[in-house]
Each structure stands twice: as C-alpha cells, then as structure tokens.
Amino acid sequence: MRKALLLVLLIVVAPLASAAMDYPKAADRYKRTLIRWAHYYDGLDATIPMYAAQIHQESAWRPNVSSPYADGLTQFTPDTAEWIGSLYPELREIDVFNPVWAIKAMIRYNNKLAEGLVASDECNLKAMVLASYNGGKGWILRDKNLTEQNGFDRNVWWDNVENFSPRAKWAFEENRDYPRRILLEHQTLYESWGGPLVCEEMIYGTNEDPPDLDSSGDSCDSFFSCIFTVGPWAARS
C-alpha cells in the first residue's frame, strides 16, 4: 500500500515540478529570432539567457500584452519606443507589438543604457542596466550618488547601490526585484539556448557570499527586511 501511494505521488508531483521549472512554451516561437539578433548586435558571446529571462519577466513571451504604461513583448512605453526608434534606422518604423521590432529594440536599449554606466564587473553592470530598463537610468545614477554618500560602493550593485534610493517604497521594491528575478531566477531556464550566464557565480554559489546583516549584526529575515533596516527606509519605517 505504501509503495502504491509513493508511486501515485511520483506520477502526480513529478510533472508539476518539471512544469514549474520550465519556461513558457511561447518562448520557442521567438527563440531563433532572439538568438539571431543577440548575436548580430553583441557577437558570439551575447548574453542570450539574460535577454530571454528579461522577456520572460516583461511579458511572459506574450507579444500583444499591454500594461497601463507599456506594450508588447518587451514592454516599451510610447516615449521610449519613439526615442529608441529615432536612434537606429532599423527601428524607425515603430511597432511595439511586432516581436522582431520588440526584440531588436530591447537589445539596442540595453546596450544604450550600458553606455556611461561604471560598474565593478559585468554582473554588477548588467544588474544596473536591467534596473535602468525597468525604472529609468536617471534614477540609477541618483541611486549611485546616494550610495556613495552613505559610504558604500557606487560601482557595485549587489548589497550596495541596490540598497539605496529616494523613490517611493513600492517603486523601490519593484525596481530592485526586477534584476534579481531576471538574473537569479529566470535566467537559468534559458541556459540551454547558449551564451554565457550573467552572474553565474551568484547563481551557482561558486563564491560564498556573506549573509545580509542588519545594524545589530543579526542576519536579516529577508532581502527587503535588510534593506529597510540599514538602507534609506530605516528612518521611515
């Protein structure tokens, strides 16, 4: 009886666990397009898993999805779409609902955001780029200044710049969650697509990171509880 119950559990749970670890089936429809244009713009070392994870986070691979402020596979706002279209000839015919346009625009925009951003390494740079894509580069530059004013490293995103911002709490949480989900959660779903993983050492723990600590020296219960203890929200909570 016990063996039969165990067999039933394996039959039921195994497919669920597998599905939970997989990416949306719609992604396969745009896989070749993403790989093609990532290689075209970034070369053979293009960070394809990161780009795929970014689309996963933005729209779950739904080209016709709309939010209150943005549209399409890579969720461009009208102003940003018009701006990026004015910079590159291949993007001048703006169509945020066209998956090819959306993928090319996302890669171009990421690379444009990286210009002038100083970071200690690629892992921290990509995190800053993603946060800029989500919330605006101007905010990230201000956050870097605030980080330095508080005695932390303006060129390191993780546990430094990510902890400081004067923006509203809801916007702060959403913005900091964005690069974490893309780089540390979704990215590995697309590892088989080829290309290097960004922040691979953080993902697979080849370097042991120290625990986040609150001001008393105790480990924080969660990422955001630590931020609101030692970061800019300490005085507001």
C-alpha atoms as a PDB file:
ATOM      1  CA  MET A   1       0.000   0.000   0.000  1.00  0.00           C
ATOM      2  CA  ARG A   2       2.786   2.404   0.928  1.00  0.00           C
ATOM      3  CA  LYS A   3       4.636   1.656  -2.329  1.00  0.00           C
ATOM      4  CA  ALA A   4       1.481   2.232  -4.337  1.00  0.00           C
ATOM      5  CA  LEU A   5       0.918   5.601  -2.609  1.00  0.00           C
ATOM      6  CA  LEU A   6       4.510   6.618  -3.291  1.00  0.00           C
ATOM      7  CA  LEU A   7       4.111   5.699  -6.955  1.00  0.00           C
ATOM      8  CA  VAL A   8       0.963   7.801  -7.244  1.00  0.00           C
ATOM      9  CA  LEU A   9       2.748  10.773  -5.653  1.00  0.00           C
ATOM     10  CA  LEU A  10       5.637  10.459  -8.087  1.00  0.00           C
ATOM     11  CA  ILE A  11       3.273  10.319 -11.038  1.00  0.00           C
ATOM     12  CA  VAL A  12       1.388  13.424  -9.883  1.00  0.00           C
ATOM     13  CA  VAL A  13       4.190  15.545  -8.432  1.00  0.00           C
ATOM     14  CA  ALA A  14       6.986  14.931 -10.955  1.00  0.00           C
ATOM     15  CA  PRO A  15       5.195  16.565 -13.928  1.00  0.00           C
ATOM     16  CA  LEU A  16       4.193  19.513 -11.741  1.00  0.00           C
ATOM     17  CA  ALA A  17       7.761  20.040 -10.556  1.00  0.00           C
ATOM     18  CA  SER A  18       9.039  19.818 -14.126  1.00  0.00           C
ATOM     19  CA  ALA A  19       6.459  22.329 -15.355  1.00  0.00           C
ATOM     20  CA  ALA A  20       7.331  24.731 -12.558  1.00  0.00           C
ATOM     21  CA  MET A  21      10.978  24.722 -13.699  1.00  0.00           C
ATOM     22  CA  ASP A  22      10.236  25.209 -17.411  1.00  0.00           C
ATOM     23  CA  TYR A  23       9.793  28.369 -19.465  1.00  0.00           C
ATOM     24  CA  PRO A  24       6.581  29.306 -21.298  1.00  0.00           C
ATOM     25  CA  LYS A  25       6.066  27.280 -24.476  1.00  0.00           C
ATOM     26  CA  ALA A  26       5.518  30.508 -26.409  1.00  0.00           C
ATOM     27  CA  ALA A  27       9.209  31.295 -25.952  1.00  0.00           C
ATOM     28  CA  ASP A  28      10.180  28.667 -28.518  1.00  0.00           C
ATOM     29  CA  ARG A  29       8.339  30.655 -31.170  1.00  0.00           C
ATOM     30  CA  TYR A  30      10.799  33.540 -30.765  1.00  0.00           C
ATOM     31  CA  LYS A  31      13.943  31.623 -29.805  1.00  0.00           C
ATOM     32  CA  ARG A  32      15.635  31.823 -33.217  1.00  0.00           C
ATOM     33  CA  THR A  33      14.790  35.495 -33.592  1.00  0.00           C
ATOM     34  CA  LEU A  34      16.280  36.373 -30.219  1.00  0.00           C
ATOM     35  CA  ILE A  35      19.451  34.349 -30.798  1.00  0.00           C
ATOM     36  CA  ARG A  36      19.894  35.822 -34.266  1.00  0.00           C
ATOM     37  CA  TRP A  37      19.652  39.437 -33.210  1.00  0.00           C
ATOM     38  CA  ALA A  38      21.576  38.955 -29.961  1.00  0.00           C
ATOM     39  CA  HIS A  39      24.483  37.575 -31.982  1.00  0.00           C
ATOM     40  CA  TYR A  40      24.096  40.325 -34.576  1.00  0.00           C
ATOM     41  CA  TYR A  41      24.323  43.127 -32.015  1.00  0.00           C
ATOM     42  CA  ASP A  42      26.536  41.573 -29.329  1.00  0.00           C
ATOM     43  CA  GLY A  43      28.595  38.912 -31.086  1.00  0.00           C
ATOM     44  CA  LEU A  44      29.023  35.249 -30.276  1.00  0.00           C
ATOM     45  CA  ASP A  45      29.299  35.961 -26.534  1.00  0.00           C
ATOM     46  CA  ALA A  46      25.834  37.541 -26.402  1.00  0.00           C
ATOM     47  CA  THR A  47      24.079  37.028 -23.072  1.00  0.00           C
ATOM     48  CA  ILE A  48      21.159  35.166 -24.618  1.00  0.00           C
ATOM     49  CA  PRO A  49      19.856  33.626 -21.356  1.00  0.00           C
ATOM     50  CA  MET A  50      19.635  37.091 -19.789  1.00  0.00           C
ATOM     51  CA  TYR A  51      17.749  38.534 -22.756  1.00  0.00           C
ATOM     52  CA  ALA A  52      15.343  35.601 -22.737  1.00  0.00           C
ATOM     53  CA  ALA A  53      14.849  35.961 -18.991  1.00  0.00           C
ATOM     54  CA  GLN A  54      14.142  39.665 -19.462  1.00  0.00           C
ATOM     55  CA  ILE A  55      11.357  38.935 -21.968  1.00  0.00           C
ATOM     56  CA  HIS A  56      10.084  36.263 -19.570  1.00  0.00           C
ATOM     57  CA  GLN A  57       9.843  38.908 -16.857  1.00  0.00           C
ATOM     58  CA  GLU A  58       8.401  41.639 -19.080  1.00  0.00           C
ATOM     59  CA  SER A  59       5.613  39.785 -20.871  1.00  0.00           C
ATOM     60  CA  ALA A  60       5.958  36.020 -20.343  1.00  0.00           C
ATOM     61  CA  TRP A  61       6.504  35.918 -24.121  1.00  0.00           C
ATOM     62  CA  ARG A  62       3.108  37.428 -24.987  1.00  0.00           C
ATOM     63  CA  PRO A  63       3.610  39.860 -27.913  1.00  0.00           C
ATOM     64  CA  ASN A  64       0.198  41.530 -27.620  1.00  0.00           C
ATOM     65  CA  VAL A  65       0.166  42.161 -23.895  1.00  0.00           C
ATOM     66  CA  SER A  66      -0.410  45.670 -22.569  1.00  0.00           C
ATOM     67  CA  SER A  67       0.123  47.196 -19.149  1.00  0.00           C
ATOM     68  CA  PRO A  68      -1.046  50.653 -18.012  1.00  0.00           C
ATOM     69  CA  TYR A  69       2.157  52.260 -19.326  1.00  0.00           C
ATOM     70  CA  ALA A  70       3.817  49.879 -21.810  1.00  0.00           C
ATOM     71  CA  ASP A  71       3.062  47.392 -24.570  1.00  0.00           C
ATOM     72  CA  GLY A  72       4.393  44.399 -26.418  1.00  0.00           C
ATOM     73  CA  LEU A  73       6.830  41.570 -25.915  1.00  0.00           C
ATOM     74  CA  THR A  74       9.463  43.813 -24.312  1.00  0.00           C
ATOM     75  CA  GLN A  75       7.068  46.383 -22.792  1.00  0.00           C
ATOM     76  CA  PHE A  76       8.116  49.675 -24.347  1.00  0.00           C
ATOM     77  CA  THR A  77       6.389  52.879 -23.325  1.00  0.00           C
ATOM     78  CA  PRO A  78       5.370  55.182 -26.204  1.00  0.00           C
ATOM     79  CA  ASP A  79       8.048  57.776 -25.326  1.00  0.00           C
ATOM     80  CA  THR A  80      10.864  55.238 -25.045  1.00  0.00           C
ATOM     81  CA  ALA A  81       9.793  53.485 -28.253  1.00  0.00           C
ATOM     82  CA  GLU A  82       9.813  56.801 -30.122  1.00  0.00           C
ATOM     83  CA  TRP A  83      13.218  57.708 -28.672  1.00  0.00           C
ATOM     84  CA  ILE A  84      14.897  54.377 -29.447  1.00  0.00           C
ATOM     85  CA  GLY A  85      13.341  54.447 -32.915  1.00  0.00           C
ATOM     86  CA  SER A  86      14.922  57.823 -33.587  1.00  0.00           C
ATOM     87  CA  LEU A  87      18.392  56.469 -32.802  1.00  0.00           C
ATOM     88  CA  TYR A  88      18.572  53.403 -35.029  1.00  0.00           C
ATOM     89  CA  PRO A  89      17.432  53.157 -38.681  1.00  0.00           C
ATOM     90  CA  GLU A  90      16.164  49.580 -38.330  1.00  0.00           C
ATOM     91  CA  LEU A  91      13.815  50.691 -35.540  1.00  0.00           C
ATOM     92  CA  ARG A  92      12.334  53.807 -37.154  1.00  0.00           C
ATOM     93  CA  GLU A  93       9.116  52.060 -38.177  1.00  0.00           C
ATOM     94  CA  ILE A  94       7.919  51.706 -34.613  1.00  0.00           C
ATOM     95  CA  ASP A  95       5.718  48.728 -33.852  1.00  0.00           C
ATOM     96  CA  VAL A  96       5.908  47.616 -30.232  1.00  0.00           C
ATOM     97  CA  PHE A  97       3.549  44.710 -30.949  1.00  0.00           C
ATOM     98  CA  ASN A  98       5.856  43.317 -33.630  1.00  0.00           C
ATOM     99  CA  PRO A  99       8.012  40.698 -31.851  1.00  0.00           C
ATOM    100  CA  VAL A 100      11.011  41.244 -34.141  1.00  0.00           C
ATOM    101  CA  TRP A 101      10.942  45.000 -33.573  1.00  0.00           C
ATOM    102  CA  ALA A 102      10.465  44.465 -29.839  1.00  0.00           C
ATOM    103  CA  ILE A 103      13.418  42.074 -29.522  1.00  0.00           C
ATOM    104  CA  LYS A 104      15.763  44.291 -31.533  1.00  0.00           C
ATOM    105  CA  ALA A 105      14.668  47.356 -29.558  1.00  0.00           C
ATOM    106  CA  MET A 106      15.229  45.617 -26.220  1.00  0.00           C
ATOM    107  CA  ILE A 107      18.783  44.635 -27.109  1.00  0.00           C
ATOM    108  CA  ARG A 108      19.566  48.083 -28.515  1.00  0.00           C
ATOM    109  CA  TYR A 109      18.079  49.773 -25.462  1.00  0.00           C
ATOM    110  CA  ASN A 110      20.014  47.590 -23.017  1.00  0.00           C
ATOM    111  CA  ASN A 111      23.251  48.408 -24.820  1.00  0.00           C
ATOM    112  CA  LYS A 112      22.401  52.114 -24.889  1.00  0.00           C
ATOM    113  CA  LEU A 113      21.690  52.099 -21.155  1.00  0.00           C
ATOM    114  CA  ALA A 114      25.084  50.482 -20.518  1.00  0.00           C
ATOM    115  CA  GLU A 115      26.884  53.444 -22.069  1.00  0.00           C
ATOM    116  CA  GLY A 116      28.468  55.559 -19.348  1.00  0.00           C
ATOM    117  CA  LEU A 117      27.452  53.224 -16.520  1.00  0.00           C
ATOM    118  CA  VAL A 118      30.519  52.353 -14.451  1.00  0.00           C
ATOM    119  CA  ALA A 119      30.451  49.054 -12.569  1.00  0.00           C
ATOM    120  CA  SER A 120      32.983  46.769 -10.942  1.00  0.00           C
ATOM    121  CA  ASP A 121      32.271  43.858 -13.304  1.00  0.00           C
ATOM    122  CA  GLU A 122      29.767  42.568 -15.844  1.00  0.00           C
ATOM    123  CA  CYS A 123      27.484  41.054 -13.217  1.00  0.00           C
ATOM    124  CA  ASN A 124      27.030  44.403 -11.482  1.00  0.00           C
ATOM    125  CA  LEU A 125      26.824  46.290 -14.783  1.00  0.00           C
ATOM    126  CA  LYS A 126      24.045  44.086 -16.152  1.00  0.00           C
ATOM    127  CA  ALA A 127      22.102  44.446 -12.907  1.00  0.00           C
ATOM    128  CA  MET A 128      22.343  48.247 -13.216  1.00  0.00           C
ATOM    129  CA  VAL A 129      21.289  48.091 -16.869  1.00  0.00           C
ATOM    130  CA  LEU A 130      18.248  45.988 -16.031  1.00  0.00           C
ATOM    131  CA  ALA A 131      17.253  48.288 -13.172  1.00  0.00           C
ATOM    132  CA  SER A 132      17.604  51.216 -15.600  1.00  0.00           C
ATOM    133  CA  TYR A 133      15.435  49.455 -18.177  1.00  0.00           C
ATOM    134  CA  ASN A 134      12.753  48.990 -15.544  1.00  0.00           C
ATOM    135  CA  GLY A 135      12.864  52.322 -13.758  1.00  0.00           C
ATOM    136  CA  GLY A 136      14.937  54.784 -15.742  1.00  0.00           C
ATOM    137  CA  LYS A 137      18.679  55.411 -15.952  1.00  0.00           C
ATOM    138  CA  GLY A 138      18.368  58.800 -14.259  1.00  0.00           C
ATOM    139  CA  TRP A 139      17.130  57.117 -11.083  1.00  0.00           C
ATOM    140  CA  ILE A 140      20.040  54.661 -11.089  1.00  0.00           C
ATOM    141  CA  LEU A 141      22.575  57.476 -11.446  1.00  0.00           C
ATOM    142  CA  ARG A 142      20.975  59.240  -8.476  1.00  0.00           C
ATOM    143  CA  ASP A 143      20.979  55.980  -6.532  1.00  0.00           C
ATOM    144  CA  LYS A 144      24.699  55.552  -7.232  1.00  0.00           C
ATOM    145  CA  ASN A 145      25.358  59.032  -5.828  1.00  0.00           C
ATOM    146  CA  LEU A 146      23.263  58.273  -2.740  1.00  0.00           C
ATOM    147  CA  THR A 147      25.135  55.010  -2.245  1.00  0.00           C
ATOM    148  CA  GLU A 148      28.470  56.823  -2.256  1.00  0.00           C
ATOM    149  CA  GLN A 149      27.148  59.475   0.140  1.00  0.00           C
ATOM    150  CA  ASN A 150      26.292  56.690   2.580  1.00  0.00           C
ATOM    151  CA  GLY A 151      29.797  55.241   2.436  1.00  0.00           C
ATOM    152  CA  PHE A 152      29.116  52.302   0.117  1.00  0.00           C
ATOM    153  CA  ASP A 153      30.499  51.386  -3.309  1.00  0.00           C
ATOM    154  CA  ARG A 154      28.734  53.212  -6.146  1.00  0.00           C
ATOM    155  CA  ASN A 155      30.153  50.750  -8.681  1.00  0.00           C
ATOM    156  CA  VAL A 156      28.725  47.626  -7.033  1.00  0.00           C
ATOM    157  CA  TRP A 157      25.029  46.907  -7.441  1.00  0.00           C
ATOM    158  CA  TRP A 158      24.540  43.894  -5.174  1.00  0.00           C
ATOM    159  CA  ASP A 159      24.231  44.847  -1.486  1.00  0.00           C
ATOM    160  CA  ASN A 160      25.402  48.382  -2.315  1.00  0.00           C
ATOM    161  CA  VAL A 161      23.535  50.507  -4.885  1.00  0.00           C
ATOM    162  CA  GLU A 162      20.512  48.194  -4.727  1.00  0.00           C
ATOM    163  CA  ASN A 163      20.035  49.200  -1.086  1.00  0.00           C
ATOM    164  CA  PHE A 164      19.717  52.945  -1.651  1.00  0.00           C
ATOM    165  CA  SER A 165      17.109  55.075  -3.406  1.00  0.00           C
ATOM    166  CA  PRO A 166      14.873  58.047  -2.529  1.00  0.00           C
ATOM    167  CA  ARG A 167      11.982  56.784  -4.653  1.00  0.00           C
ATOM    168  CA  ALA A 168       8.633  55.587  -3.299  1.00  0.00           C
ATOM    169  CA  LYS A 169       8.716  52.284  -1.427  1.00  0.00           C
ATOM    170  CA  TRP A 170       6.532  50.422  -3.946  1.00  0.00           C
ATOM    171  CA  ALA A 171       8.669  51.633  -6.866  1.00  0.00           C
ATOM    172  CA  PHE A 172      11.844  50.776  -4.981  1.00  0.00           C
ATOM    173  CA  GLU A 173      10.708  47.220  -4.288  1.00  0.00           C
ATOM    174  CA  GLU A 174       9.564  46.647  -7.867  1.00  0.00           C
ATOM    175  CA  ASN A 175      12.774  48.027  -9.328  1.00  0.00           C
ATOM    176  CA  ARG A 176      15.097  46.020  -7.086  1.00  0.00           C
ATOM    177  CA  ASP A 177      13.112  42.860  -7.657  1.00  0.00           C
ATOM    178  CA  TYR A 178      13.472  43.206 -11.436  1.00  0.00           C
ATOM    179  CA  PRO A 179      17.188  42.357 -11.886  1.00  0.00           C
ATOM    180  CA  ARG A 180      17.024  39.723  -9.137  1.00  0.00           C
ATOM    181  CA  ARG A 181      14.229  37.821 -10.846  1.00  0.00           C
ATOM    182  CA  ILE A 182      15.837  38.039 -14.269  1.00  0.00           C
ATOM    183  CA  LEU A 183      19.417  37.201 -13.332  1.00  0.00           C
ATOM    184  CA  LEU A 184      18.988  34.899 -10.341  1.00  0.00           C
ATOM    185  CA  GLU A 185      15.688  33.133 -11.112  1.00  0.00           C
ATOM    186  CA  HIS A 186      14.577  33.158 -14.757  1.00  0.00           C
ATOM    187  CA  GLN A 187      17.962  33.152 -16.468  1.00  0.00           C
ATOM    188  CA  THR A 188      18.788  29.502 -15.782  1.00  0.00           C
ATOM    189  CA  LEU A 189      15.557  28.440 -17.524  1.00  0.00           C
ATOM    190  CA  TYR A 190      17.208  29.520 -20.778  1.00  0.00           C
ATOM    191  CA  GLU A 191      20.733  28.251 -20.177  1.00  0.00           C
ATOM    192  CA  SER A 192      20.302  25.638 -22.917  1.00  0.00           C
ATOM    193  CA  TRP A 193      19.775  28.404 -25.506  1.00  0.00           C
ATOM    194  CA  GLY A 194      23.520  29.101 -25.490  1.00  0.00           C
ATOM    195  CA  GLY A 195      25.638  32.036 -24.432  1.00  0.00           C
ATOM    196  CA  PRO A 196      27.082  32.877 -21.026  1.00  0.00           C
ATOM    197  CA  LEU A 197      25.060  33.284 -17.855  1.00  0.00           C
ATOM    198  CA  VAL A 198      25.375  36.693 -16.242  1.00  0.00           C
ATOM    199  CA  CYS A 199      26.262  36.490 -12.528  1.00  0.00           C
ATOM    200  CA  GLU A 200      26.934  32.764 -12.846  1.00  0.00           C
ATOM    201  CA  GLU A 201      28.938  32.720  -9.613  1.00  0.00           C
ATOM    202  CA  MET A 202      25.994  34.146  -7.684  1.00  0.00           C
ATOM    203  CA  ILE A 203      23.586  31.678  -9.266  1.00  0.00           C
ATOM    204  CA  TYR A 204      25.608  28.542  -8.616  1.00  0.00           C
ATOM    205  CA  GLY A 205      27.422  29.691  -5.495  1.00  0.00           C
ATOM    206  CA  THR A 206      30.999  29.167  -6.634  1.00  0.00           C
ATOM    207  CA  ASN A 207      31.825  32.121  -4.403  1.00  0.00           C
ATOM    208  CA  GLU A 208      30.242  32.113  -0.970  1.00  0.00           C
ATOM    209  CA  ASP A 209      28.544  35.419  -0.312  1.00  0.00           C
ATOM    210  CA  PRO A 210      28.302  36.704   3.271  1.00  0.00           C
ATOM    211  CA  PRO A 211      24.770  36.883   4.736  1.00  0.00           C
ATOM    212  CA  ASP A 212      22.959  40.200   4.716  1.00  0.00           C
ATOM    213  CA  LEU A 213      23.205  41.754   8.146  1.00  0.00           C
ATOM    214  CA  ASP A 214      21.071  44.298   9.916  1.00  0.00           C
ATOM    215  CA  SER A 215      22.511  47.069  12.075  1.00  0.00           C
ATOM    216  CA  SER A 216      22.672  44.804  15.127  1.00  0.00           C
ATOM    217  CA  GLY A 217      24.795  42.232  13.310  1.00  0.00           C
ATOM    218  CA  ASP A 218      21.990  39.678  13.042  1.00  0.00           C
ATOM    219  CA  SER A 219      21.105  38.048   9.738  1.00  0.00           C
ATOM    220  CA  CYS A 220      18.104  39.622   8.061  1.00  0.00           C
ATOM    221  CA  ASP A 221      14.963  37.530   7.662  1.00  0.00           C
ATOM    222  CA  SER A 222      14.669  38.545   4.013  1.00  0.00           C
ATOM    223  CA  PHE A 223      16.236  40.734   1.331  1.00  0.00           C
ATOM    224  CA  PHE A 224      13.807  43.614   1.785  1.00  0.00           C
ATOM    225  CA  SER A 225      13.771  43.439   5.599  1.00  0.00           C
ATOM    226  CA  CYS A 226      17.501  44.033   5.475  1.00  0.00           C
ATOM    227  CA  ILE A 227      17.135  46.984   3.108  1.00  0.00           C
ATOM    228  CA  PHE A 228      14.567  48.665   5.296  1.00  0.00           C
ATOM    229  CA  THR A 229      16.786  48.179   8.369  1.00  0.00           C
ATOM    230  CA  VAL A 230      20.082  49.506   7.043  1.00  0.00           C
ATOM    231  CA  GLY A 231      19.033  51.386   3.896  1.00  0.00           C
ATOM    232  CA  PRO A 232      17.233  54.653   3.246  1.00  0.00           C
ATOM    233  CA  TRP A 233      13.931  53.320   4.618  1.00  0.00           C
ATOM    234  CA  ALA A 234      15.267  52.837   8.154  1.00  0.00           C
ATOM    235  CA  ALA A 235      14.177  56.314   9.217  1.00  0.00           C
ATOM    236  CA  ARG A 236      10.757  55.943   7.577  1.00  0.00           C
ATOM    237  CA  SER A 237       9.712  52.601   8.988  1.00  0.00           C
END
